[in-house]
Amino acid sequence: MAKKKRETKREEIVRLANGDANIVKTIHNGDTVIHFADNSYSDKTPEEIEEAIAHHWHVAWQVVKSMRERGEDI
C-alpha cells in the first residue's frame, strides 16, 4: 500500500480556506471572529502530536529568551 503524501503547510492553508476545516470552537470579539480547527492534529499519531507540541514550546521559548535579552516586557 502506498504511503499517503503529506501536504505542505501552504496546501493545508489553501484547503482549509476553501472550507475543509473541522471547526471545533468559534470566538466572537467585537468585529473579529476566530475559528479553531483541529485539522492539524486529527490525523496524527500521539507521537506526532507530542513532537509538534515540543516544537511549539521550543519556538515560544526562543521568543521569550530573545525578548528578555532585548529587555522587552513579556
N, C-alpha and C. Protein backbone atom coordinates (compact mmCIF):
# COMPACT_ATOMS: atom_id res chain seq x y z
N MET A 1 0.85 -1.18 0.00
CA MET A 1 0.00 0.00 0.00
C MET A 1 0.89 1.24 0.00
N ALA A 2 0.59 2.20 -0.86
CA ALA A 2 1.39 3.42 -0.98
C ALA A 2 1.16 4.32 0.22
N LYS A 3 2.24 4.95 0.67
CA LYS A 3 2.15 5.87 1.78
C LYS A 3 1.54 7.19 1.31
N LYS A 4 0.63 7.74 2.09
CA LYS A 4 -0.03 9.00 1.74
C LYS A 4 0.97 10.14 1.80
N LYS A 5 1.01 10.97 0.74
CA LYS A 5 1.90 12.12 0.70
C LYS A 5 1.41 13.18 1.67
N ARG A 6 2.31 13.68 2.49
CA ARG A 6 1.95 14.75 3.42
C ARG A 6 1.81 16.05 2.68
N GLU A 7 0.75 16.79 2.97
CA GLU A 7 0.58 18.08 2.32
C GLU A 7 1.46 19.12 2.99
N THR A 8 1.87 20.11 2.22
CA THR A 8 2.67 21.20 2.76
C THR A 8 1.76 22.12 3.56
N LYS A 9 2.35 22.99 4.37
CA LYS A 9 1.56 23.96 5.14
C LYS A 9 0.75 24.83 4.20
N ARG A 10 1.35 25.24 3.09
CA ARG A 10 0.63 26.08 2.12
C ARG A 10 -0.58 25.33 1.57
N GLU A 11 -0.40 24.07 1.21
CA GLU A 11 -1.52 23.26 0.70
C GLU A 11 -2.61 23.14 1.76
N GLU A 12 -2.20 22.96 3.02
CA GLU A 12 -3.18 22.84 4.10
C GLU A 12 -3.96 24.13 4.28
N ILE A 13 -3.27 25.26 4.25
CA ILE A 13 -3.93 26.56 4.42
C ILE A 13 -4.93 26.81 3.30
N VAL A 14 -4.54 26.50 2.07
CA VAL A 14 -5.45 26.68 0.93
C VAL A 14 -6.66 25.77 1.08
N ARG A 15 -6.45 24.51 1.46
CA ARG A 15 -7.55 23.57 1.62
C ARG A 15 -8.51 24.05 2.71
N LEU A 16 -7.96 24.50 3.83
CA LEU A 16 -8.81 24.97 4.93
C LEU A 16 -9.55 26.25 4.56
N ALA A 17 -8.88 27.13 3.82
CA ALA A 17 -9.52 28.38 3.39
C ALA A 17 -10.68 28.11 2.44
N ASN A 18 -10.62 26.99 1.75
CA ASN A 18 -11.69 26.63 0.83
C ASN A 18 -12.84 25.89 1.52
N GLY A 19 -12.83 25.87 2.84
CA GLY A 19 -13.98 25.32 3.57
C GLY A 19 -13.82 23.91 4.07
N ASP A 20 -12.63 23.35 4.06
CA ASP A 20 -12.42 21.97 4.51
C ASP A 20 -11.87 21.94 5.94
N ALA A 21 -12.32 22.87 6.78
CA ALA A 21 -11.83 22.93 8.15
C ALA A 21 -12.83 22.26 9.09
N ASN A 22 -12.31 21.56 10.10
CA ASN A 22 -13.15 20.96 11.12
C ASN A 22 -13.17 21.91 12.32
N ILE A 23 -14.08 22.89 12.27
CA ILE A 23 -14.15 23.92 13.31
C ILE A 23 -14.66 23.29 14.61
N VAL A 24 -13.86 23.44 15.68
CA VAL A 24 -14.25 22.87 16.97
C VAL A 24 -14.66 23.94 17.98
N LYS A 25 -14.30 25.21 17.69
CA LYS A 25 -14.68 26.31 18.59
C LYS A 25 -14.64 27.61 17.80
N THR A 26 -15.57 28.50 18.10
CA THR A 26 -15.61 29.83 17.48
C THR A 26 -15.75 30.87 18.58
N ILE A 27 -14.93 31.92 18.49
CA ILE A 27 -14.98 33.01 19.46
C ILE A 27 -15.26 34.30 18.71
N HIS A 28 -16.19 35.09 19.24
CA HIS A 28 -16.51 36.40 18.67
C HIS A 28 -16.00 37.46 19.66
N ASN A 29 -15.25 38.43 19.13
CA ASN A 29 -14.74 39.53 19.95
C ASN A 29 -14.92 40.80 19.14
N GLY A 30 -16.00 41.51 19.39
CA GLY A 30 -16.31 42.69 18.57
C GLY A 30 -16.57 42.26 17.14
N ASP A 31 -15.85 42.87 16.21
CA ASP A 31 -15.99 42.53 14.79
C ASP A 31 -15.11 41.36 14.38
N THR A 32 -14.33 40.83 15.30
CA THR A 32 -13.40 39.75 14.99
C THR A 32 -14.02 38.40 15.30
N VAL A 33 -13.83 37.45 14.39
CA VAL A 33 -14.29 36.08 14.60
C VAL A 33 -13.07 35.17 14.46
N ILE A 34 -12.87 34.33 15.47
CA ILE A 34 -11.74 33.40 15.46
C ILE A 34 -12.31 31.98 15.47
N HIS A 35 -11.89 31.20 14.49
CA HIS A 35 -12.30 29.80 14.41
C HIS A 35 -11.13 28.91 14.78
N PHE A 36 -11.36 27.94 15.62
CA PHE A 36 -10.34 26.96 15.98
C PHE A 36 -10.69 25.64 15.30
N ALA A 37 -9.75 25.10 14.56
CA ALA A 37 -9.96 23.84 13.85
C ALA A 37 -8.92 22.83 14.32
N ASP A 38 -9.31 21.56 14.36
CA ASP A 38 -8.37 20.52 14.81
C ASP A 38 -7.77 19.73 13.66
N ASN A 39 -7.85 20.26 12.45
CA ASN A 39 -7.33 19.55 11.29
C ASN A 39 -5.84 19.21 11.41
N SER A 40 -5.09 20.07 12.04
CA SER A 40 -3.65 19.84 12.13
C SER A 40 -3.31 18.60 12.95
N TYR A 41 -4.22 18.17 13.81
CA TYR A 41 -3.91 17.05 14.69
C TYR A 41 -4.82 15.84 14.53
N SER A 42 -5.92 15.98 13.81
CA SER A 42 -6.91 14.92 13.77
C SER A 42 -6.41 13.63 13.12
N ASP A 43 -5.44 13.72 12.22
CA ASP A 43 -4.94 12.51 11.56
C ASP A 43 -3.53 12.14 12.01
N LYS A 44 -3.12 12.63 13.18
CA LYS A 44 -1.75 12.40 13.67
C LYS A 44 -1.74 11.34 14.77
N THR A 45 -0.60 10.67 14.88
CA THR A 45 -0.41 9.71 15.96
C THR A 45 -0.10 10.49 17.24
N PRO A 46 -0.25 9.86 18.40
CA PRO A 46 0.10 10.54 19.65
C PRO A 46 1.57 11.00 19.65
N GLU A 47 2.45 10.24 19.04
CA GLU A 47 3.85 10.61 18.99
C GLU A 47 4.05 11.87 18.14
N GLU A 48 3.35 11.95 17.00
CA GLU A 48 3.46 13.13 16.14
C GLU A 48 2.91 14.37 16.84
N ILE A 49 1.85 14.20 17.62
CA ILE A 49 1.28 15.32 18.36
C ILE A 49 2.26 15.80 19.42
N GLU A 50 2.85 14.87 20.16
CA GLU A 50 3.84 15.25 21.18
C GLU A 50 5.02 15.98 20.55
N GLU A 51 5.46 15.51 19.38
CA GLU A 51 6.57 16.16 18.68
C GLU A 51 6.20 17.59 18.28
N ALA A 52 4.98 17.79 17.80
CA ALA A 52 4.53 19.12 17.40
C ALA A 52 4.45 20.05 18.61
N ILE A 53 3.92 19.54 19.72
CA ILE A 53 3.83 20.35 20.94
C ILE A 53 5.22 20.74 21.43
N ALA A 54 6.14 19.81 21.42
CA ALA A 54 7.51 20.10 21.85
C ALA A 54 8.13 21.17 20.95
N HIS A 55 7.86 21.09 19.65
CA HIS A 55 8.39 22.09 18.72
C HIS A 55 7.80 23.46 19.02
N HIS A 56 6.49 23.54 19.28
CA HIS A 56 5.85 24.83 19.59
C HIS A 56 6.44 25.43 20.86
N TRP A 57 6.65 24.60 21.88
CA TRP A 57 7.26 25.09 23.12
C TRP A 57 8.66 25.62 22.87
N HIS A 58 9.43 24.90 22.05
CA HIS A 58 10.80 25.33 21.75
C HIS A 58 10.79 26.69 21.05
N VAL A 59 9.93 26.85 20.06
CA VAL A 59 9.85 28.12 19.33
C VAL A 59 9.41 29.24 20.27
N ALA A 60 8.41 29.00 21.08
CA ALA A 60 7.92 30.01 22.01
C ALA A 60 9.01 30.42 23.00
N TRP A 61 9.77 29.44 23.49
CA TRP A 61 10.84 29.74 24.46
C TRP A 61 11.93 30.59 23.81
N GLN A 62 12.22 30.35 22.54
CA GLN A 62 13.21 31.16 21.83
C GLN A 62 12.75 32.62 21.76
N VAL A 63 11.46 32.84 21.56
CA VAL A 63 10.92 34.20 21.52
C VAL A 63 11.06 34.85 22.89
N VAL A 64 10.71 34.12 23.95
CA VAL A 64 10.82 34.65 25.31
C VAL A 64 12.26 35.03 25.62
N LYS A 65 13.21 34.15 25.32
CA LYS A 65 14.62 34.44 25.59
C LYS A 65 15.09 35.66 24.81
N SER A 66 14.69 35.76 23.56
CA SER A 66 15.08 36.90 22.74
C SER A 66 14.54 38.21 23.30
N MET A 67 13.28 38.19 23.75
CA MET A 67 12.69 39.39 24.33
C MET A 67 13.39 39.78 25.62
N ARG A 68 13.73 38.80 26.43
CA ARG A 68 14.44 39.09 27.69
C ARG A 68 15.81 39.69 27.41
N GLU A 69 16.50 39.16 26.41
CA GLU A 69 17.83 39.67 26.05
C GLU A 69 17.77 41.13 25.60
N ARG A 70 16.66 41.51 24.96
CA ARG A 70 16.49 42.88 24.50
C ARG A 70 15.89 43.78 25.58
N GLY A 71 15.55 43.19 26.72
CA GLY A 71 14.98 43.95 27.81
C GLY A 71 13.52 44.32 27.62
N GLU A 72 12.84 43.58 26.74
CA GLU A 72 11.41 43.83 26.47
C GLU A 72 10.53 43.13 27.50
N ASP A 73 9.38 43.73 27.76
CA ASP A 73 8.40 43.10 28.63
C ASP A 73 7.75 41.93 27.90
N ILE A 74 7.45 40.91 28.65
CA ILE A 74 6.80 39.73 28.06
C ILE A 74 5.35 39.71 28.47
